[in-house]
Every structure is written in C-alpha cells, then in structure tokens.
Amino acid sequence: MKVAIVTNDGRTVSQHFGRSRYYKVYHVEEGQIKDVEMRQRGTGHYAGGNAGENSNDNHNNFDDQGRHGFGADAMNRHDSMAMEISDCDALIAGGMGTGAYQSFKSVGLDVVLTDKFDSDEAAIAYAKGELDNLYRERTD
C-alpha cells in the first residue's frame, strides 16, 4: 500500500495540511517500510516555495452557506492536490479543513488526521491498523 503524509521537513507530520510543502510517500508492506519518496506539493499555501502566496481568501473559497473550503475554487484546488497522490491509498496529516477532508475522502483516499509527529511511526501505525483518526478534533 502507498501512504502519503504531509510534511515540511521530511521527518514530521505537518500539523496543517494546506501549509505543508511536501508529500512523503511510503510504500508499506506487512508493517514494514519498503520505499519512501518525497514529492514537492504543486498546490496549497506554501507549494512550490510560494510562501503565503495562495493564502488569502480573495477567491471563491466559500460555498453559498458560508463554509470555508467548500467554494468552487477550493474544490478545484482540492482536486489538483488529490491528483498529486492519486497512486496512494491513504493521506495522513495533523489537521486540515473540513472541505479538504471531505474532498479527499470523495476521491477514495482514506484520510487520517493524527496527533503523531514522527512520519515513519505514523506510516507504520497506519499500515498496522493502529492509527486513530482524530477527524473530529483536528478539522476546522
């Protein structure tokens, strides 16, 4: 299985999905890490080294009910982000917005929000079915 974990430094799980710079993609078999790949994120607040460039809300980021992360622009960005890890089975982050969470779930990713900091530990725990999903506590 392939598990994507968002990170800024390659060692720790990023606590905010949208502000992470990289996906660390693990190929895990039988509870063991077989291969690891770092992918620079092409979308998001800090993707491609554009710190804060996409962080304003001057775009259609809200739906007709005023929910952040559900507008047309946000949904298009979420689709682009999901395409970057379309070969993965799961996505792990420290936290993310509800719109992003629901978008990634809708394309078939198993999205897990965790309080684990070490990305290797999180990948192995996920592969063993031992990583609790703290969705209710870690979405905004």
N, C-alpha and C. Protein backbone atom coordinates (compact mmCIF):
# COMPACT_ATOMS: atom_id res chain seq x y z
N MET A 1 0.84 -1.17 0.00
CA MET A 1 0.00 0.00 0.00
C MET A 1 0.88 1.23 0.00
N LYS A 2 0.33 2.34 -0.52
CA LYS A 2 1.04 3.62 -0.51
C LYS A 2 0.30 4.59 0.40
N VAL A 3 1.09 5.24 1.25
CA VAL A 3 0.56 6.17 2.23
C VAL A 3 1.28 7.51 2.04
N ALA A 4 0.53 8.57 1.79
CA ALA A 4 1.10 9.91 1.66
C ALA A 4 0.94 10.64 2.99
N ILE A 5 2.03 11.22 3.46
CA ILE A 5 2.00 12.02 4.70
C ILE A 5 2.51 13.41 4.36
N VAL A 6 1.77 14.44 4.78
CA VAL A 6 2.23 15.80 4.52
C VAL A 6 3.30 16.17 5.54
N THR A 7 4.33 16.87 5.04
CA THR A 7 5.47 17.24 5.87
C THR A 7 6.13 18.50 5.34
N ASN A 8 6.83 19.18 6.19
CA ASN A 8 7.65 20.32 5.78
C ASN A 8 9.13 20.00 5.84
N ASP A 9 9.50 18.99 6.62
CA ASP A 9 10.92 18.70 6.84
C ASP A 9 11.31 17.25 6.51
N GLY A 10 10.35 16.44 6.08
CA GLY A 10 10.66 15.06 5.75
C GLY A 10 10.70 14.11 6.93
N ARG A 11 10.55 14.66 8.14
CA ARG A 11 10.61 13.82 9.35
C ARG A 11 9.31 13.85 10.16
N THR A 12 8.65 15.00 10.15
CA THR A 12 7.47 15.15 11.00
C THR A 12 6.21 15.34 10.17
N VAL A 13 5.09 14.94 10.75
CA VAL A 13 3.79 15.11 10.12
C VAL A 13 3.41 16.59 10.25
N SER A 14 3.13 17.22 9.14
CA SER A 14 2.71 18.62 9.17
C SER A 14 1.38 18.73 9.90
N GLN A 15 1.28 19.73 10.76
CA GLN A 15 0.07 19.91 11.56
C GLN A 15 -1.02 20.64 10.80
N HIS A 16 -0.72 21.22 9.64
CA HIS A 16 -1.73 21.88 8.82
C HIS A 16 -1.52 21.45 7.37
N PHE A 17 -2.45 20.67 6.85
CA PHE A 17 -2.31 20.13 5.51
C PHE A 17 -2.00 21.22 4.48
N GLY A 18 -2.80 22.28 4.47
CA GLY A 18 -2.67 23.30 3.44
C GLY A 18 -1.37 24.08 3.49
N ARG A 19 -0.67 24.02 4.59
CA ARG A 19 0.59 24.75 4.72
C ARG A 19 1.81 23.84 4.65
N SER A 20 1.60 22.63 4.19
CA SER A 20 2.73 21.70 4.06
C SER A 20 3.37 21.88 2.69
N ARG A 21 4.66 21.59 2.63
CA ARG A 21 5.42 21.75 1.38
C ARG A 21 5.55 20.45 0.58
N TYR A 22 5.49 19.31 1.27
CA TYR A 22 5.79 18.05 0.61
C TYR A 22 4.80 16.96 1.00
N TYR A 23 4.73 15.95 0.13
CA TYR A 23 4.14 14.66 0.47
C TYR A 23 5.32 13.71 0.64
N LYS A 24 5.35 12.99 1.74
CA LYS A 24 6.31 11.90 1.89
C LYS A 24 5.49 10.65 1.65
N VAL A 25 5.79 9.95 0.56
CA VAL A 25 5.00 8.80 0.14
C VAL A 25 5.74 7.52 0.52
N TYR A 26 5.06 6.72 1.33
CA TYR A 26 5.60 5.46 1.82
C TYR A 26 4.96 4.30 1.07
N HIS A 27 5.76 3.37 0.66
CA HIS A 27 5.27 2.08 0.18
C HIS A 27 5.50 1.12 1.34
N VAL A 28 4.39 0.65 1.91
CA VAL A 28 4.46 -0.17 3.11
C VAL A 28 3.86 -1.55 2.81
N GLU A 29 4.57 -2.58 3.21
CA GLU A 29 4.08 -3.96 3.08
C GLU A 29 4.32 -4.70 4.38
N GLU A 30 3.31 -5.41 4.84
CA GLU A 30 3.42 -6.24 6.04
C GLU A 30 4.02 -5.46 7.23
N GLY A 31 3.57 -4.21 7.38
CA GLY A 31 4.00 -3.39 8.50
C GLY A 31 5.42 -2.87 8.40
N GLN A 32 6.04 -3.02 7.24
CA GLN A 32 7.42 -2.57 7.03
C GLN A 32 7.49 -1.54 5.91
N ILE A 33 8.30 -0.52 6.10
CA ILE A 33 8.52 0.47 5.05
C ILE A 33 9.45 -0.13 4.00
N LYS A 34 8.98 -0.22 2.76
CA LYS A 34 9.78 -0.80 1.68
C LYS A 34 10.47 0.27 0.84
N ASP A 35 9.82 1.45 0.72
CA ASP A 35 10.36 2.52 -0.11
C ASP A 35 9.74 3.83 0.35
N VAL A 36 10.48 4.93 0.18
CA VAL A 36 10.00 6.25 0.54
C VAL A 36 10.34 7.22 -0.59
N GLU A 37 9.42 8.09 -0.89
CA GLU A 37 9.61 9.09 -1.95
C GLU A 37 9.12 10.44 -1.45
N MET A 38 9.91 11.48 -1.68
CA MET A 38 9.49 12.85 -1.35
C MET A 38 8.96 13.50 -2.62
N ARG A 39 7.78 14.11 -2.51
CA ARG A 39 7.19 14.84 -3.63
C ARG A 39 6.88 16.26 -3.19
N GLN A 40 7.36 17.22 -3.95
CA GLN A 40 7.02 18.60 -3.64
C GLN A 40 5.57 18.83 -4.06
N ARG A 41 4.81 19.44 -3.17
CA ARG A 41 3.42 19.74 -3.48
C ARG A 41 3.36 20.86 -4.50
N GLY A 42 2.50 20.71 -5.47
CA GLY A 42 2.33 21.73 -6.50
C GLY A 42 1.21 22.71 -6.20
N THR A 43 0.44 22.43 -5.16
CA THR A 43 -0.70 23.28 -4.82
C THR A 43 -0.72 23.51 -3.32
N GLY A 44 -1.39 24.57 -2.90
CA GLY A 44 -1.50 24.87 -1.47
C GLY A 44 -0.81 26.16 -1.12
N HIS A 45 -0.93 26.58 0.12
CA HIS A 45 -0.40 27.87 0.57
C HIS A 45 1.09 28.02 0.33
N TYR A 46 1.87 26.97 0.59
CA TYR A 46 3.32 27.05 0.52
C TYR A 46 3.91 26.20 -0.60
N ALA A 47 3.10 25.70 -1.47
CA ALA A 47 3.58 24.81 -2.53
C ALA A 47 4.53 25.55 -3.47
N GLY A 48 5.52 24.83 -3.91
CA GLY A 48 6.47 25.38 -4.88
C GLY A 48 7.28 26.55 -4.36
N GLY A 49 7.38 26.69 -3.03
CA GLY A 49 8.16 27.77 -2.46
C GLY A 49 7.46 29.11 -2.43
N ASN A 50 6.17 29.15 -2.74
CA ASN A 50 5.41 30.40 -2.76
C ASN A 50 4.76 30.66 -1.42
N ALA A 51 5.56 30.85 -0.40
CA ALA A 51 5.05 31.01 0.97
C ALA A 51 3.98 32.09 1.04
N GLY A 52 2.81 31.68 1.41
CA GLY A 52 1.71 32.60 1.64
C GLY A 52 1.05 33.14 0.40
N GLU A 53 1.57 32.84 -0.78
CA GLU A 53 1.05 33.42 -2.00
C GLU A 53 -0.41 33.09 -2.24
N ASN A 54 -0.81 31.88 -1.89
CA ASN A 54 -2.19 31.46 -2.11
C ASN A 54 -3.00 31.44 -0.83
N SER A 55 -2.55 32.15 0.17
CA SER A 55 -3.20 32.03 1.47
C SER A 55 -4.32 33.01 1.70
N ASN A 56 -4.56 33.93 0.78
CA ASN A 56 -5.64 34.88 1.01
C ASN A 56 -6.98 34.29 0.59
N ASP A 57 -8.03 34.92 1.01
CA ASP A 57 -9.37 34.43 0.70
C ASP A 57 -10.04 35.31 -0.35
N ASN A 58 -9.29 35.86 -1.29
CA ASN A 58 -9.85 36.70 -2.34
C ASN A 58 -10.34 35.88 -3.51
N HIS A 59 -10.56 34.61 -3.31
CA HIS A 59 -11.06 33.72 -4.34
C HIS A 59 -12.33 33.06 -3.83
N ASN A 60 -12.94 32.31 -4.65
CA ASN A 60 -14.20 31.65 -4.30
C ASN A 60 -13.92 30.46 -3.40
N ASN A 61 -13.64 30.74 -2.14
CA ASN A 61 -13.26 29.72 -1.19
C ASN A 61 -14.43 29.29 -0.30
N PHE A 62 -15.54 29.98 -0.39
CA PHE A 62 -16.70 29.72 0.47
C PHE A 62 -17.88 29.27 -0.39
N ASP A 63 -18.68 28.35 0.15
CA ASP A 63 -19.89 27.93 -0.57
C ASP A 63 -21.03 28.89 -0.24
N ASP A 64 -22.22 28.61 -0.78
CA ASP A 64 -23.36 29.51 -0.58
C ASP A 64 -23.87 29.52 0.86
N GLN A 65 -23.35 28.61 1.69
CA GLN A 65 -23.70 28.59 3.11
C GLN A 65 -22.62 29.23 3.97
N GLY A 66 -21.59 29.82 3.31
CA GLY A 66 -20.53 30.49 4.03
C GLY A 66 -19.47 29.57 4.63
N ARG A 67 -19.45 28.31 4.20
CA ARG A 67 -18.47 27.35 4.74
C ARG A 67 -17.14 27.49 4.00
N HIS A 68 -16.08 27.74 4.75
CA HIS A 68 -14.73 27.85 4.21
C HIS A 68 -14.27 26.50 3.66
N GLY A 69 -13.63 26.53 2.48
CA GLY A 69 -13.07 25.32 1.90
C GLY A 69 -14.05 24.52 1.07
N PHE A 70 -15.24 25.05 0.83
CA PHE A 70 -16.24 24.34 0.04
C PHE A 70 -16.61 25.07 -1.25
N GLY A 71 -16.05 26.26 -1.49
CA GLY A 71 -16.35 27.01 -2.70
C GLY A 71 -15.74 26.35 -3.93
N ALA A 72 -16.11 26.86 -5.11
CA ALA A 72 -15.66 26.27 -6.38
C ALA A 72 -14.14 26.28 -6.50
N ASP A 73 -13.49 27.41 -6.17
CA ASP A 73 -12.03 27.47 -6.27
C ASP A 73 -11.37 26.47 -5.32
N ALA A 74 -11.89 26.40 -4.10
CA ALA A 74 -11.34 25.46 -3.12
C ALA A 74 -11.48 24.03 -3.61
N MET A 75 -12.63 23.70 -4.13
CA MET A 75 -12.86 22.33 -4.61
C MET A 75 -11.91 21.99 -5.77
N ASN A 76 -11.67 22.96 -6.67
CA ASN A 76 -10.73 22.74 -7.77
C ASN A 76 -9.32 22.51 -7.25
N ARG A 77 -8.91 23.28 -6.24
CA ARG A 77 -7.58 23.08 -5.65
C ARG A 77 -7.49 21.71 -4.99
N HIS A 78 -8.54 21.32 -4.27
CA HIS A 78 -8.52 20.00 -3.62
C HIS A 78 -8.37 18.89 -4.66
N ASP A 79 -9.08 19.02 -5.79
CA ASP A 79 -8.96 18.02 -6.86
C ASP A 79 -7.52 17.95 -7.37
N SER A 80 -6.88 19.12 -7.54
CA SER A 80 -5.49 19.14 -8.01
C SER A 80 -4.56 18.48 -7.00
N MET A 81 -4.81 18.75 -5.72
CA MET A 81 -3.99 18.14 -4.67
C MET A 81 -4.15 16.63 -4.66
N ALA A 82 -5.37 16.16 -4.83
CA ALA A 82 -5.63 14.72 -4.85
C ALA A 82 -4.95 14.05 -6.04
N MET A 83 -4.89 14.74 -7.17
CA MET A 83 -4.23 14.17 -8.35
C MET A 83 -2.74 13.93 -8.10
N GLU A 84 -2.13 14.75 -7.26
CA GLU A 84 -0.69 14.61 -6.97
C GLU A 84 -0.39 13.30 -6.23
N ILE A 85 -1.38 12.75 -5.58
CA ILE A 85 -1.18 11.50 -4.83
C ILE A 85 -2.22 10.45 -5.25
N SER A 86 -2.61 10.50 -6.51
CA SER A 86 -3.66 9.59 -6.99
C SER A 86 -3.25 8.12 -6.94
N ASP A 87 -1.95 7.84 -6.82
CA ASP A 87 -1.47 6.46 -6.73
C ASP A 87 -1.44 5.96 -5.29
N CYS A 88 -1.88 6.80 -4.34
CA CYS A 88 -1.83 6.44 -2.92
C CYS A 88 -3.18 5.94 -2.42
N ASP A 89 -3.13 5.17 -1.36
CA ASP A 89 -4.33 4.64 -0.73
C ASP A 89 -4.82 5.51 0.41
N ALA A 90 -3.88 6.23 1.04
CA ALA A 90 -4.22 7.00 2.23
C ALA A 90 -3.45 8.30 2.26
N LEU A 91 -4.01 9.26 2.99
CA LEU A 91 -3.39 10.54 3.24
C LEU A 91 -3.44 10.80 4.74
N ILE A 92 -2.29 11.14 5.31
CA ILE A 92 -2.19 11.40 6.75
C ILE A 92 -1.69 12.82 6.95
N ALA A 93 -2.35 13.54 7.85
CA ALA A 93 -1.96 14.91 8.21
C ALA A 93 -2.26 15.13 9.68
N GLY A 94 -1.71 16.19 10.23
CA GLY A 94 -2.02 16.56 11.60
C GLY A 94 -3.40 17.19 11.69
N GLY A 95 -3.76 17.96 10.69
CA GLY A 95 -5.06 18.61 10.65
C GLY A 95 -5.33 19.19 9.28
N MET A 96 -6.59 19.49 9.01
CA MET A 96 -6.97 20.12 7.74
C MET A 96 -8.39 20.62 7.86
N GLY A 97 -8.78 21.45 6.91
CA GLY A 97 -10.15 21.94 6.88
C GLY A 97 -11.13 20.85 6.50
N THR A 98 -12.36 21.03 6.90
CA THR A 98 -13.40 20.05 6.62
C THR A 98 -13.63 19.89 5.12
N GLY A 99 -13.56 20.99 4.37
CA GLY A 99 -13.74 20.92 2.92
C GLY A 99 -12.70 20.04 2.26
N ALA A 100 -11.44 20.22 2.64
CA ALA A 100 -10.37 19.39 2.10
C ALA A 100 -10.56 17.93 2.51
N TYR A 101 -10.86 17.72 3.78
CA TYR A 101 -11.06 16.35 4.28
C TYR A 101 -12.13 15.63 3.46
N GLN A 102 -13.25 16.28 3.27
CA GLN A 102 -14.35 15.65 2.53
C GLN A 102 -14.01 15.46 1.05
N SER A 103 -13.27 16.40 0.48
CA SER A 103 -12.87 16.26 -0.92
C SER A 103 -11.97 15.05 -1.13
N PHE A 104 -10.98 14.89 -0.25
CA PHE A 104 -10.06 13.75 -0.39
C PHE A 104 -10.78 12.43 -0.15
N LYS A 105 -11.68 12.40 0.80
CA LYS A 105 -12.46 11.18 1.03
C LYS A 105 -13.29 10.84 -0.21
N SER A 106 -13.84 11.85 -0.86
CA SER A 106 -14.74 11.62 -2.01
C SER A 106 -14.02 11.02 -3.21
N VAL A 107 -12.69 11.17 -3.29
CA VAL A 107 -11.95 10.57 -4.40
C VAL A 107 -11.34 9.23 -4.02
N GLY A 108 -11.70 8.72 -2.83
CA GLY A 108 -11.30 7.37 -2.46
C GLY A 108 -10.09 7.27 -1.55
N LEU A 109 -9.53 8.39 -1.12
CA LEU A 109 -8.41 8.31 -0.18
C LEU A 109 -8.93 8.07 1.23
N ASP A 110 -8.23 7.24 1.96
CA ASP A 110 -8.52 7.07 3.38
C ASP A 110 -7.75 8.19 4.07
N VAL A 111 -8.45 9.19 4.60
CA VAL A 111 -7.82 10.36 5.20
C VAL A 111 -7.81 10.18 6.71
N VAL A 112 -6.61 10.28 7.29
CA VAL A 112 -6.46 10.12 8.74
C VAL A 112 -5.76 11.35 9.29
N LEU A 113 -6.37 11.96 10.29
CA LEU A 113 -5.77 13.10 10.98
C LEU A 113 -5.26 12.59 12.32
N THR A 114 -4.00 12.88 12.60
CA THR A 114 -3.33 12.26 13.74
C THR A 114 -2.61 13.27 14.62
N ASP A 115 -2.33 12.86 15.84
CA ASP A 115 -1.50 13.67 16.73
C ASP A 115 -0.08 13.12 16.79
N LYS A 116 0.24 12.11 15.99
CA LYS A 116 1.61 11.60 15.92
C LYS A 116 2.46 12.62 15.17
N PHE A 117 3.68 12.81 15.61
CA PHE A 117 4.57 13.76 14.96
C PHE A 117 5.57 13.10 14.02
N ASP A 118 6.06 11.91 14.36
CA ASP A 118 7.06 11.22 13.55
C ASP A 118 6.37 10.57 12.35
N SER A 119 6.78 10.95 11.15
CA SER A 119 6.10 10.45 9.96
C SER A 119 6.31 8.95 9.74
N ASP A 120 7.51 8.43 10.06
CA ASP A 120 7.74 6.99 9.91
C ASP A 120 6.82 6.21 10.85
N GLU A 121 6.72 6.66 12.09
CA GLU A 121 5.85 5.99 13.07
C GLU A 121 4.39 6.03 12.61
N ALA A 122 3.97 7.17 12.07
CA ALA A 122 2.58 7.29 11.61
C ALA A 122 2.30 6.33 10.45
N ALA A 123 3.24 6.23 9.51
CA ALA A 123 3.06 5.34 8.36
C ALA A 123 2.95 3.88 8.79
N ILE A 124 3.81 3.47 9.70
CA ILE A 124 3.79 2.08 10.17
C ILE A 124 2.52 1.81 10.98
N ALA A 125 2.16 2.75 11.86
CA ALA A 125 0.93 2.57 12.65
C ALA A 125 -0.29 2.47 11.74
N TYR A 126 -0.33 3.28 10.68
CA TYR A 126 -1.45 3.21 9.74
C TYR A 126 -1.49 1.83 9.08
N ALA A 127 -0.33 1.37 8.59
CA ALA A 127 -0.27 0.09 7.90
C ALA A 127 -0.70 -1.07 8.79
N LYS A 128 -0.47 -0.95 10.09
CA LYS A 128 -0.86 -1.99 11.04
C LYS A 128 -2.29 -1.82 11.54
N GLY A 129 -2.97 -0.77 11.08
CA GLY A 129 -4.34 -0.51 11.53
C GLY A 129 -4.40 0.04 12.94
N GLU A 130 -3.32 0.68 13.38
CA GLU A 130 -3.22 1.17 14.76
C GLU A 130 -3.20 2.69 14.87
N LEU A 131 -3.54 3.39 13.80
CA LEU A 131 -3.51 4.85 13.83
C LEU A 131 -4.93 5.38 13.98
N ASP A 132 -5.20 6.00 15.12
CA ASP A 132 -6.53 6.56 15.36
C ASP A 132 -6.74 7.78 14.48
N ASN A 133 -7.98 7.90 13.95
CA ASN A 133 -8.34 9.06 13.16
C ASN A 133 -9.00 10.08 14.09
N LEU A 134 -8.33 11.22 14.26
CA LEU A 134 -8.81 12.26 15.15
C LEU A 134 -9.54 13.35 14.36
N TYR A 135 -10.31 12.93 13.37
CA TYR A 135 -11.02 13.84 12.47
C TYR A 135 -11.82 14.91 13.22
N ARG A 136 -12.60 14.54 14.17
CA ARG A 136 -13.48 15.50 14.86
C ARG A 136 -12.69 16.55 15.62
N GLU A 137 -11.52 16.20 16.09
CA GLU A 137 -10.70 17.12 16.87
C GLU A 137 -9.77 17.95 16.01
N ARG A 138 -9.50 17.51 14.77
CA ARG A 138 -8.43 18.13 14.01
C ARG A 138 -8.86 18.73 12.67
N THR A 139 -10.15 19.02 12.52
CA THR A 139 -10.62 19.76 11.35
C THR A 139 -11.14 21.10 11.82
N ASP A 140 -11.15 22.06 10.91
CA ASP A 140 -11.70 23.36 11.26
C ASP A 140 -12.87 23.71 10.38
